[in-house]
Amino acid sequence: RTAENSVDKTWGKLKQEFQTLTAGAHRTNRGEVLQTNPLSPEQKA
């Protein structure tokens, strides 16, 4: 409800917009790096 009210979109639309967003964790000897694919203009908004 907080997400819906803050952007004036339904949960279904929000879920659909962020469906393509992926995140990956890469572990190395120096630590862990978290990486996501680039955000679309709609996701940035």
ModelCIF file with pLDDT and N, C-alpha, C, O atoms, coordinates in Angstrom:
data_MODEL
#
_entry.id   MODEL 
#
_entity.id                         1 
_entity.type                       polymer 
_entity.pdbx_number_of_molecules   1 
#
_entity_poly.entity_id                      1 
_entity_poly.type                           'polypeptide(L)' 
_entity_poly.nstd_linkage                   no 
_entity_poly.nstd_monomer                   no 
_entity_poly.pdbx_seq_one_letter_code       RTAENSVDKTWGKLKQEFQTLTAGAHRTNRGEVLQTNPLSPEQKA 
_entity_poly.pdbx_seq_one_letter_code_can   RTAENSVDKTWGKLKQEFQTLTAGAHRTNRGEVLQTNPLSPEQKA 
_entity_poly.pdbx_strand_id                 A 
#
loop_
_entity_poly_seq.entity_id 
_entity_poly_seq.num 
_entity_poly_seq.mon_id 
_entity_poly_seq.hetero 
1 1  ARG n 
1 2  THR n 
1 3  ALA n 
1 4  GLU n 
1 5  ASN n 
1 6  SER n 
1 7  VAL n 
1 8  ASP n 
1 9  LYS n 
1 10 THR n 
1 11 TRP n 
1 12 GLY n 
1 13 LYS n 
1 14 LEU n 
1 15 LYS n 
1 16 GLN n 
1 17 GLU n 
1 18 PHE n 
1 19 GLN n 
1 20 THR n 
1 21 LEU n 
1 22 THR n 
1 23 ALA n 
1 24 GLY n 
1 25 ALA n 
1 26 HIS n 
1 27 ARG n 
1 28 THR n 
1 29 ASN n 
1 30 ARG n 
1 31 GLY n 
1 32 GLU n 
1 33 VAL n 
1 34 LEU n 
1 35 GLN n 
1 36 THR n 
1 37 ASN n 
1 38 PRO n 
1 39 LEU n 
1 40 SER n 
1 41 PRO n 
1 42 GLU n 
1 43 GLN n 
1 44 LYS n 
1 45 ALA n 
#
_struct_asym.id          A 
_struct_asym.entity_id   1 
#
loop_
_ma_qa_metric.id 
_ma_qa_metric.mode 
_ma_qa_metric.name 
_ma_qa_metric.software_group_id 
_ma_qa_metric.type 
1 global pLDDT . pLDDT 
2 local  pLDDT . pLDDT 
#
_ma_qa_metric_global.metric_id      1 
_ma_qa_metric_global.metric_value   93.36 
_ma_qa_metric_global.model_id       1 
_ma_qa_metric_global.ordinal_id     1 
#
loop_
_ma_qa_metric_local.label_asym_id 
_ma_qa_metric_local.label_comp_id 
_ma_qa_metric_local.label_seq_id 
_ma_qa_metric_local.metric_id 
_ma_qa_metric_local.metric_value 
_ma_qa_metric_local.model_id 
_ma_qa_metric_local.ordinal_id 
A ARG 1  2 97.00 1 1  
A THR 2  2 96.00 1 2  
A ALA 3  2 94.00 1 3  
A GLU 4  2 96.00 1 4  
A ASN 5  2 96.00 1 5  
A SER 6  2 94.00 1 6  
A VAL 7  2 93.00 1 7  
A ASP 8  2 93.00 1 8  
A LYS 9  2 94.00 1 9  
A THR 10 2 96.00 1 10 
A TRP 11 2 95.00 1 11 
A GLY 12 2 96.00 1 12 
A LYS 13 2 95.00 1 13 
A LEU 14 2 95.00 1 14 
A LYS 15 2 94.00 1 15 
A GLN 16 2 95.00 1 16 
A GLU 17 2 93.00 1 17 
A PHE 18 2 93.00 1 18 
A GLN 19 2 94.00 1 19 
A THR 20 2 92.00 1 20 
A LEU 21 2 93.00 1 21 
A THR 22 2 94.00 1 22 
A ALA 23 2 92.00 1 23 
A GLY 24 2 95.00 1 24 
A ALA 25 2 94.00 1 25 
A HIS 26 2 92.00 1 26 
A ARG 27 2 93.00 1 27 
A THR 28 2 90.00 1 28 
A ASN 29 2 92.00 1 29 
A ARG 30 2 91.00 1 30 
A GLY 31 2 94.00 1 31 
A GLU 32 2 94.00 1 32 
A VAL 33 2 93.00 1 33 
A LEU 34 2 92.00 1 34 
A GLN 35 2 93.00 1 35 
A THR 36 2 92.00 1 36 
A ASN 37 2 94.00 1 37 
A PRO 38 2 94.00 1 38 
A LEU 39 2 93.00 1 39 
A SER 40 2 92.00 1 40 
A PRO 41 2 92.00 1 41 
A GLU 42 2 90.00 1 42 
A GLN 43 2 92.00 1 43 
A LYS 44 2 91.00 1 44 
A ALA 45 2 88.00 1 45 
#
loop_
_atom_site.group_PDB 
_atom_site.id 
_atom_site.type_symbol 
_atom_site.label_atom_id 
_atom_site.label_alt_id 
_atom_site.label_comp_id 
_atom_site.label_asym_id 
_atom_site.label_entity_id 
_atom_site.label_seq_id 
_atom_site.pdbx_PDB_ins_code 
_atom_site.Cartn_x 
_atom_site.Cartn_y 
_atom_site.Cartn_z 
_atom_site.occupancy 
_atom_site.B_iso_or_equiv 
_atom_site.pdbx_formal_charge 
_atom_site.auth_seq_id 
_atom_site.auth_comp_id 
_atom_site.auth_asym_id 
_atom_site.auth_atom_id 
_atom_site.pdbx_PDB_model_num 
ATOM 1   N N  . ARG A 1 1  ? 0.831  -1.216  0.000   1.00 97.00 ? 1  ARG A N  1 
ATOM 2   C CA . ARG A 1 1  ? 0.000  0.000   0.000   1.00 97.00 ? 1  ARG A CA 1 
ATOM 3   C C  . ARG A 1 1  ? 0.860  1.259   0.000   1.00 97.00 ? 1  ARG A C  1 
ATOM 4   O O  . ARG A 1 1  ? 0.527  2.235   -0.672  1.00 97.00 ? 1  ARG A O  1 
ATOM 5   N N  . THR A 1 2  ? 1.961  1.248   0.744   1.00 96.00 ? 2  THR A N  1 
ATOM 6   C CA . THR A 1 2  ? 2.855  2.406   0.775   1.00 96.00 ? 2  THR A CA 1 
ATOM 7   C C  . THR A 1 2  ? 3.471  2.644   -0.600  1.00 96.00 ? 2  THR A C  1 
ATOM 8   O O  . THR A 1 2  ? 3.557  3.784   -1.057  1.00 96.00 ? 2  THR A O  1 
ATOM 9   N N  . ALA A 1 3  ? 3.896  1.572   -1.255  1.00 94.00 ? 3  ALA A N  1 
ATOM 10  C CA . ALA A 1 3  ? 4.468  1.698   -2.602  1.00 94.00 ? 3  ALA A CA 1 
ATOM 11  C C  . ALA A 1 3  ? 3.424  2.225   -3.579  1.00 94.00 ? 3  ALA A C  1 
ATOM 12  O O  . ALA A 1 3  ? 3.721  3.111   -4.380  1.00 94.00 ? 3  ALA A O  1 
ATOM 13  N N  . GLU A 1 4  ? 2.207  1.692   -3.522  1.00 96.00 ? 4  GLU A N  1 
ATOM 14  C CA . GLU A 1 4  ? 1.138  2.148   -4.423  1.00 96.00 ? 4  GLU A CA 1 
ATOM 15  C C  . GLU A 1 4  ? 0.820  3.619   -4.210  1.00 96.00 ? 4  GLU A C  1 
ATOM 16  O O  . GLU A 1 4  ? 0.676  4.369   -5.176  1.00 96.00 ? 4  GLU A O  1 
ATOM 17  N N  . ASN A 1 5  ? 0.711  4.034   -2.970  1.00 96.00 ? 5  ASN A N  1 
ATOM 18  C CA . ASN A 1 5  ? 0.345  5.424   -2.672  1.00 96.00 ? 5  ASN A CA 1 
ATOM 19  C C  . ASN A 1 5  ? 1.459  6.406   -3.002  1.00 96.00 ? 5  ASN A C  1 
ATOM 20  O O  . ASN A 1 5  ? 1.183  7.553   -3.354  1.00 96.00 ? 5  ASN A O  1 
ATOM 21  N N  . SER A 1 6  ? 2.704  5.980   -2.896  1.00 94.00 ? 6  SER A N  1 
ATOM 22  C CA . SER A 1 6  ? 3.801  6.917   -3.132  1.00 94.00 ? 6  SER A CA 1 
ATOM 23  C C  . SER A 1 6  ? 4.027  7.182   -4.616  1.00 94.00 ? 6  SER A C  1 
ATOM 24  O O  . SER A 1 6  ? 4.563  8.231   -4.973  1.00 94.00 ? 6  SER A O  1 
ATOM 25  N N  . VAL A 1 7  ? 3.629  6.252   -5.493  1.00 93.00 ? 7  VAL A N  1 
ATOM 26  C CA . VAL A 1 7  ? 3.845  6.462   -6.930  1.00 93.00 ? 7  VAL A CA 1 
ATOM 27  C C  . VAL A 1 7  ? 2.545  6.489   -7.737  1.00 93.00 ? 7  VAL A C  1 
ATOM 28  O O  . VAL A 1 7  ? 2.590  6.619   -8.960  1.00 93.00 ? 7  VAL A O  1 
ATOM 29  N N  . ASP A 1 8  ? 1.405  6.371   -7.088  1.00 93.00 ? 8  ASP A N  1 
ATOM 30  C CA . ASP A 1 8  ? 0.092  6.391   -7.749  1.00 93.00 ? 8  ASP A CA 1 
ATOM 31  C C  . ASP A 1 8  ? -0.029 5.347   -8.854  1.00 93.00 ? 8  ASP A C  1 
ATOM 32  O O  . ASP A 1 8  ? -0.554 5.630   -9.931  1.00 93.00 ? 8  ASP A O  1 
ATOM 33  N N  . LYS A 1 9  ? 0.461  4.140   -8.581  1.00 94.00 ? 9  LYS A N  1 
ATOM 34  C CA . LYS A 1 9  ? 0.326  3.011   -9.499  1.00 94.00 ? 9  LYS A CA 1 
ATOM 35  C C  . LYS A 1 9  ? -0.132 1.803   -8.706  1.00 94.00 ? 9  LYS A C  1 
ATOM 36  O O  . LYS A 1 9  ? 0.077  1.721   -7.496  1.00 94.00 ? 9  LYS A O  1 
ATOM 37  N N  . THR A 1 10 ? -0.758 0.868   -9.400  1.00 96.00 ? 10 THR A N  1 
ATOM 38  C CA . THR A 1 10 ? -1.193 -0.346  -8.713  1.00 96.00 ? 10 THR A CA 1 
ATOM 39  C C  . THR A 1 10 ? -0.005 -1.271  -8.503  1.00 96.00 ? 10 THR A C  1 
ATOM 40  O O  . THR A 1 10 ? 1.027  -1.136  -9.160  1.00 96.00 ? 10 THR A O  1 
ATOM 41  N N  . TRP A 1 11 ? -0.164 -2.206  -7.582  1.00 95.00 ? 11 TRP A N  1 
ATOM 42  C CA . TRP A 1 11 ? 0.896  -3.164  -7.298  1.00 95.00 ? 11 TRP A CA 1 
ATOM 43  C C  . TRP A 1 11 ? 1.193  -4.012  -8.535  1.00 95.00 ? 11 TRP A C  1 
ATOM 44  O O  . TRP A 1 11 ? 2.350  -4.351  -8.787  1.00 95.00 ? 11 TRP A O  1 
ATOM 45  N N  . GLY A 1 12 ? 0.171  -4.352  -9.303  1.00 96.00 ? 12 GLY A N  1 
ATOM 46  C CA . GLY A 1 12 ? 0.380  -5.137  -10.515 1.00 96.00 ? 12 GLY A CA 1 
ATOM 47  C C  . GLY A 1 12 ? 1.265  -4.416  -11.522 1.00 96.00 ? 12 GLY A C  1 
ATOM 48  O O  . GLY A 1 12 ? 2.146  -5.025  -12.129 1.00 96.00 ? 12 GLY A O  1 
ATOM 49  N N  . LYS A 1 13 ? 1.030  -3.120  -11.697 1.00 95.00 ? 13 LYS A N  1 
ATOM 50  C CA . LYS A 1 13 ? 1.853  -2.330  -12.626 1.00 95.00 ? 13 LYS A CA 1 
ATOM 51  C C  . LYS A 1 13 ? 3.279  -2.189  -12.107 1.00 95.00 ? 13 LYS A C  1 
ATOM 52  O O  . LYS A 1 13 ? 4.234  -2.282  -12.877 1.00 95.00 ? 13 LYS A O  1 
ATOM 53  N N  . LEU A 1 14 ? 3.425  -1.965  -10.807 1.00 95.00 ? 14 LEU A N  1 
ATOM 54  C CA . LEU A 1 14 ? 4.765  -1.863  -10.229 1.00 95.00 ? 14 LEU A CA 1 
ATOM 55  C C  . LEU A 1 14 ? 5.529  -3.173  -10.393 1.00 95.00 ? 14 LEU A C  1 
ATOM 56  O O  . LEU A 1 14 ? 6.706  -3.177  -10.753 1.00 95.00 ? 14 LEU A O  1 
ATOM 57  N N  . LYS A 1 15 ? 4.850  -4.277  -10.127 1.00 94.00 ? 15 LYS A N  1 
ATOM 58  C CA . LYS A 1 15 ? 5.483  -5.585  -10.255 1.00 94.00 ? 15 LYS A CA 1 
ATOM 59  C C  . LYS A 1 15 ? 5.910  -5.843  -11.697 1.00 94.00 ? 15 LYS A C  1 
ATOM 60  O O  . LYS A 1 15 ? 6.985  -6.388  -11.947 1.00 94.00 ? 15 LYS A O  1 
ATOM 61  N N  . GLN A 1 16 ? 5.069  -5.454  -12.631 1.00 95.00 ? 16 GLN A N  1 
ATOM 62  C CA . GLN A 1 16 ? 5.366  -5.641  -14.040 1.00 95.00 ? 16 GLN A CA 1 
ATOM 63  C C  . GLN A 1 16 ? 6.566  -4.790  -14.468 1.00 95.00 ? 16 GLN A C  1 
ATOM 64  O O  . GLN A 1 16 ? 7.408  -5.253  -15.238 1.00 95.00 ? 16 GLN A O  1 
ATOM 65  N N  . GLU A 1 17 ? 6.649  -3.555  -13.977 1.00 93.00 ? 17 GLU A N  1 
ATOM 66  C CA . GLU A 1 17 ? 7.761  -2.679  -14.322 1.00 93.00 ? 17 GLU A CA 1 
ATOM 67  C C  . GLU A 1 17 ? 9.094  -3.219  -13.816 1.00 93.00 ? 17 GLU A C  1 
ATOM 68  O O  . GLU A 1 17 ? 10.115 -3.100  -14.494 1.00 93.00 ? 17 GLU A O  1 
ATOM 69  N N  . PHE A 1 18 ? 9.083  -3.807  -12.634 1.00 93.00 ? 18 PHE A N  1 
ATOM 70  C CA . PHE A 1 18 ? 10.336 -4.271  -12.033 1.00 93.00 ? 18 PHE A CA 1 
ATOM 71  C C  . PHE A 1 18 ? 10.626 -5.742  -12.310 1.00 93.00 ? 18 PHE A C  1 
ATOM 72  O O  . PHE A 1 18 ? 11.583 -6.293  -11.767 1.00 93.00 ? 18 PHE A O  1 
ATOM 73  N N  . GLN A 1 19 ? 9.814  -6.383  -13.146 1.00 94.00 ? 19 GLN A N  1 
ATOM 74  C CA . GLN A 1 19 ? 10.004 -7.796  -13.462 1.00 94.00 ? 19 GLN A CA 1 
ATOM 75  C C  . GLN A 1 19 ? 11.365 -8.043  -14.126 1.00 94.00 ? 19 GLN A C  1 
ATOM 76  O O  . GLN A 1 19 ? 11.967 -9.098  -13.923 1.00 94.00 ? 19 GLN A O  1 
ATOM 77  N N  . THR A 1 20 ? 11.848 -7.087  -14.909 1.00 92.00 ? 20 THR A N  1 
ATOM 78  C CA . THR A 1 20 ? 13.097 -7.278  -15.644 1.00 92.00 ? 20 THR A CA 1 
ATOM 79  C C  . THR A 1 20 ? 14.338 -6.949  -14.816 1.00 92.00 ? 20 THR A C  1 
ATOM 80  O O  . THR A 1 20 ? 15.459 -7.218  -15.250 1.00 92.00 ? 20 THR A O  1 
ATOM 81  N N  . LEU A 1 21 ? 14.155 -6.384  -13.655 1.00 93.00 ? 21 LEU A N  1 
ATOM 82  C CA . LEU A 1 21 ? 15.289 -6.004  -12.808 1.00 93.00 ? 21 LEU A CA 1 
ATOM 83  C C  . LEU A 1 21 ? 15.892 -7.245  -12.163 1.00 93.00 ? 21 LEU A C  1 
ATOM 84  O O  . LEU A 1 21 ? 15.195 -8.018  -11.506 1.00 93.00 ? 21 LEU A O  1 
ATOM 85  N N  . THR A 1 22 ? 17.183 -7.426  -12.357 1.00 94.00 ? 22 THR A N  1 
ATOM 86  C CA . THR A 1 22 ? 17.880 -8.560  -11.749 1.00 94.00 ? 22 THR A CA 1 
ATOM 87  C C  . THR A 1 22 ? 19.055 -8.048  -10.935 1.00 94.00 ? 22 THR A C  1 
ATOM 88  O O  . THR A 1 22 ? 19.592 -6.972  -11.201 1.00 94.00 ? 22 THR A O  1 
ATOM 89  N N  . ALA A 1 23 ? 19.439 -8.815  -9.960  1.00 92.00 ? 23 ALA A N  1 
ATOM 90  C CA . ALA A 1 23 ? 20.586 -8.470  -9.112  1.00 92.00 ? 23 ALA A CA 1 
ATOM 91  C C  . ALA A 1 23 ? 21.460 -9.701  -8.968  1.00 92.00 ? 23 ALA A C  1 
ATOM 92  O O  . ALA A 1 23 ? 20.974 -10.831 -8.910  1.00 92.00 ? 23 ALA A O  1 
ATOM 93  N N  . GLY A 1 24 ? 22.744 -9.460  -8.912  1.00 95.00 ? 24 GLY A N  1 
ATOM 94  C CA . GLY A 1 24 ? 23.681 -10.562 -8.741  1.00 95.00 ? 24 GLY A CA 1 
ATOM 95  C C  . GLY A 1 24 ? 24.700 -10.226 -7.675  1.00 95.00 ? 24 GLY A C  1 
ATOM 96  O O  . GLY A 1 24 ? 25.082 -9.068  -7.506  1.00 95.00 ? 24 GLY A O  1 
ATOM 97  N N  . ALA A 1 25 ? 25.131 -11.233 -6.966  1.00 94.00 ? 25 ALA A N  1 
ATOM 98  C CA . ALA A 1 25 ? 26.170 -11.065 -5.942  1.00 94.00 ? 25 ALA A CA 1 
ATOM 99  C C  . ALA A 1 25 ? 27.414 -11.813 -6.412  1.00 94.00 ? 25 ALA A C  1 
ATOM 100 O O  . ALA A 1 25 ? 27.354 -12.996 -6.746  1.00 94.00 ? 25 ALA A O  1 
ATOM 101 N N  . HIS A 1 26 ? 28.521 -11.115 -6.433  1.00 92.00 ? 26 HIS A N  1 
ATOM 102 C CA . HIS A 1 26 ? 29.781 -11.707 -6.855  1.00 92.00 ? 26 HIS A CA 1 
ATOM 103 C C  . HIS A 1 26 ? 30.739 -11.691 -5.673  1.00 92.00 ? 26 HIS A C  1 
ATOM 104 O O  . HIS A 1 26 ? 31.040 -10.631 -5.125  1.00 92.00 ? 26 HIS A O  1 
ATOM 105 N N  . ARG A 1 27 ? 31.213 -12.855 -5.285  1.00 93.00 ? 27 ARG A N  1 
ATOM 106 C CA . ARG A 1 27 ? 32.140 -12.953 -4.158  1.00 93.00 ? 27 ARG A CA 1 
ATOM 107 C C  . ARG A 1 27 ? 33.558 -13.106 -4.678  1.00 93.00 ? 27 ARG A C  1 
ATOM 108 O O  . ARG A 1 27 ? 33.832 -13.910 -5.569  1.00 93.00 ? 27 ARG A O  1 
ATOM 109 N N  . THR A 1 28 ? 34.444 -12.322 -4.104  1.00 90.00 ? 28 THR A N  1 
ATOM 110 C CA . THR A 1 28 ? 35.859 -12.403 -4.443  1.00 90.00 ? 28 THR A CA 1 
ATOM 111 C C  . THR A 1 28 ? 36.654 -12.538 -3.153  1.00 90.00 ? 28 THR A C  1 
ATOM 112 O O  . THR A 1 28 ? 36.088 -12.546 -2.060  1.00 90.00 ? 28 THR A O  1 
ATOM 113 N N  . ASN A 1 29 ? 37.942 -12.641 -3.288  1.00 92.00 ? 29 ASN A N  1 
ATOM 114 C CA . ASN A 1 29 ? 38.795 -12.709 -2.095  1.00 92.00 ? 29 ASN A CA 1 
ATOM 115 C C  . ASN A 1 29 ? 38.751 -11.415 -1.294  1.00 92.00 ? 29 ASN A C  1 
ATOM 116 O O  . ASN A 1 29 ? 39.004 -11.421 -0.089  1.00 92.00 ? 29 ASN A O  1 
ATOM 117 N N  . ARG A 1 30 ? 38.435 -10.316 -1.951  1.00 91.00 ? 30 ARG A N  1 
ATOM 118 C CA . ARG A 1 30 ? 38.412 -9.006  -1.291  1.00 91.00 ? 30 ARG A CA 1 
ATOM 119 C C  . ARG A 1 30 ? 37.048 -8.639  -0.723  1.00 91.00 ? 30 ARG A C  1 
ATOM 120 O O  . ARG A 1 30 ? 36.930 -7.634  -0.022  1.00 91.00 ? 30 ARG A O  1 
ATOM 121 N N  . GLY A 1 31 ? 36.023 -9.424  -1.004  1.00 94.00 ? 31 GLY A N  1 
ATOM 122 C CA . GLY A 1 31 ? 34.694 -9.112  -0.480  1.00 94.00 ? 31 GLY A CA 1 
ATOM 123 C C  . GLY A 1 31 ? 33.616 -9.475  -1.474  1.00 94.00 ? 31 GLY A C  1 
ATOM 124 O O  . GLY A 1 31 ? 33.817 -10.302 -2.363  1.00 94.00 ? 31 GLY A O  1 
ATOM 125 N N  . GLU A 1 32 ? 32.474 -8.844  -1.310  1.00 94.00 ? 32 GLU A N  1 
ATOM 126 C CA . GLU A 1 32 ? 31.318 -9.135  -2.137  1.00 94.00 ? 32 GLU A CA 1 
ATOM 127 C C  . GLU A 1 32 ? 30.892 -7.887  -2.895  1.00 94.00 ? 32 GLU A C  1 
ATOM 128 O O  . GLU A 1 32 ? 30.896 -6.788  -2.342  1.00 94.00 ? 32 GLU A O  1 
ATOM 129 N N  . VAL A 1 33 ? 30.524 -8.055  -4.158  1.00 93.00 ? 33 VAL A N  1 
ATOM 130 C CA . VAL A 1 33 ? 30.066 -6.963  -5.000  1.00 93.00 ? 33 VAL A CA 1 
ATOM 131 C C  . VAL A 1 33 ? 28.648 -7.285  -5.442  1.00 93.00 ? 33 VAL A C  1 
ATOM 132 O O  . VAL A 1 33 ? 28.390 -8.370  -5.962  1.00 93.00 ? 33 VAL A O  1 
ATOM 133 N N  . LEU A 1 34 ? 27.727 -6.350  -5.240  1.00 92.00 ? 34 LEU A N  1 
ATOM 134 C CA . LEU A 1 34 ? 26.351 -6.500  -5.695  1.00 92.00 ? 34 LEU A CA 1 
ATOM 135 C C  . LEU A 1 34 ? 26.178 -5.678  -6.963  1.00 92.00 ? 34 LEU A C  1 
ATOM 136 O O  . LEU A 1 34 ? 26.608 -4.526  -7.029  1.00 92.00 ? 34 LEU A O  1 
ATOM 137 N N  . GLN A 1 35 ? 25.545 -6.277  -7.972  1.00 93.00 ? 35 GLN A N  1 
ATOM 138 C CA . GLN A 1 35 ? 25.394 -5.610  -9.254  1.00 93.00 ? 35 GLN A CA 1 
ATOM 139 C C  . GLN A 1 35 ? 23.993 -5.851  -9.792  1.00 93.00 ? 35 GLN A C  1 
ATOM 140 O O  . GLN A 1 35 ? 23.449 -6.948  -9.665  1.00 93.00 ? 35 GLN A O  1 
ATOM 141 N N  . THR A 1 36 ? 23.407 -4.811  -10.399 1.00 92.00 ? 36 THR A N  1 
ATOM 142 C CA . THR A 1 36 ? 22.097 -4.939  -11.043 1.00 92.00 ? 36 THR A CA 1 
ATOM 143 C C  . THR A 1 36 ? 22.226 -4.545  -12.507 1.00 92.00 ? 36 THR A C  1 
ATOM 144 O O  . THR A 1 36 ? 23.193 -3.895  -12.902 1.00 92.00 ? 36 THR A O  1 
ATOM 145 N N  . ASN A 1 37 ? 21.249 -4.941  -13.301 1.00 94.00 ? 37 ASN A N  1 
ATOM 146 C CA . ASN A 1 37 ? 21.227 -4.470  -14.680 1.00 94.00 ? 37 ASN A CA 1 
ATOM 147 C C  . ASN A 1 37 ? 20.786 -3.005  -14.680 1.00 94.00 ? 37 ASN A C  1 
ATOM 148 O O  . ASN A 1 37 ? 20.205 -2.541  -13.699 1.00 94.00 ? 37 ASN A O  1 
ATOM 149 N N  . PRO A 1 38 ? 21.050 -2.275  -15.757 1.00 94.00 ? 38 PRO A N  1 
ATOM 150 C CA . PRO A 1 38 ? 20.672 -0.846  -15.791 1.00 94.00 ? 38 PRO A CA 1 
ATOM 151 C C  . PRO A 1 38 ? 19.164 -0.678  -15.653 1.00 94.00 ? 38 PRO A C  1 
ATOM 152 O O  . PRO A 1 38 ? 18.380 -1.487  -16.150 1.00 94.00 ? 38 PRO A O  1 
ATOM 153 N N  . LEU A 1 39 ? 18.782 0.393   -14.965 1.00 93.00 ? 39 LEU A N  1 
ATOM 154 C CA . LEU A 1 39 ? 17.357 0.700   -14.760 1.00 93.00 ? 39 LEU A CA 1 
ATOM 155 C C  . LEU A 1 39 ? 16.779 1.340   -16.014 1.00 93.00 ? 39 LEU A C  1 
ATOM 156 O O  . LEU A 1 39 ? 17.442 2.125   -16.692 1.00 93.00 ? 39 LEU A O  1 
ATOM 157 N N  . SER A 1 40 ? 15.537 0.991   -16.305 1.00 92.00 ? 40 SER A N  1 
ATOM 158 C CA . SER A 1 40 ? 14.818 1.624   -17.409 1.00 92.00 ? 40 SER A CA 1 
ATOM 159 C C  . SER A 1 40 ? 14.353 3.011   -16.945 1.00 92.00 ? 40 SER A C  1 
ATOM 160 O O  . SER A 1 40 ? 14.338 3.287   -15.745 1.00 92.00 ? 40 SER A O  1 
ATOM 161 N N  . PRO A 1 41 ? 13.976 3.877   -17.882 1.00 92.00 ? 41 PRO A N  1 
ATOM 162 C CA . PRO A 1 41 ? 13.469 5.205   -17.456 1.00 92.00 ? 41 PRO A CA 1 
ATOM 163 C C  . PRO A 1 41 ? 12.254 5.109   -16.527 1.00 92.00 ? 41 PRO A C  1 
ATOM 164 O O  . PRO A 1 41 ? 12.116 5.911   -15.604 1.00 92.00 ? 41 PRO A O  1 
ATOM 165 N N  . GLU A 1 42 ? 11.369 4.125   -16.769 1.00 90.00 ? 42 GLU A N  1 
ATOM 166 C CA . GLU A 1 42 ? 10.198 3.962   -15.911 1.00 90.00 ? 42 GLU A CA 1 
ATOM 167 C C  . GLU A 1 42 ? 10.601 3.551   -14.499 1.00 90.00 ? 42 GLU A C  1 
ATOM 168 O O  . GLU A 1 42 ? 10.028 4.033   -13.522 1.00 90.00 ? 42 GLU A O  1 
ATOM 169 N N  . GLN A 1 43 ? 11.591 2.657   -14.391 1.00 92.00 ? 43 GLN A N  1 
ATOM 170 C CA . GLN A 1 43 ? 12.068 2.224   -13.078 1.00 92.00 ? 43 GLN A CA 1 
ATOM 171 C C  . GLN A 1 43 ? 12.736 3.370   -12.347 1.00 92.00 ? 43 GLN A C  1 
ATOM 172 O O  . GLN A 1 43 ? 12.577 3.508   -11.135 1.00 92.00 ? 43 GLN A O  1 
ATOM 173 N N  . LYS A 1 44 ? 13.485 4.197   -13.069 1.00 91.00 ? 44 LYS A N  1 
ATOM 174 C CA . LYS A 1 44 ? 14.127 5.352   -12.449 1.00 91.00 ? 44 LYS A CA 1 
ATOM 175 C C  . LYS A 1 44 ? 13.093 6.340   -11.914 1.00 91.00 ? 44 LYS A C  1 
ATOM 176 O O  . LYS A 1 44 ? 13.289 6.950   -10.863 1.00 91.00 ? 44 LYS A O  1 
ATOM 177 N N  . ALA A 1 45 ? 11.987 6.491   -12.652 1.00 88.00 ? 45 ALA A N  1 
ATOM 178 C CA . ALA A 1 45 ? 10.938 7.418   -12.221 1.00 88.00 ? 45 ALA A CA 1 
ATOM 179 C C  . ALA A 1 45 ? 10.298 6.987   -10.914 1.00 88.00 ? 45 ALA A C  1 
ATOM 180 O O  . ALA A 1 45 ? 9.397  7.663   -10.417 1.00 88.00 ? 45 ALA A O  1 
#
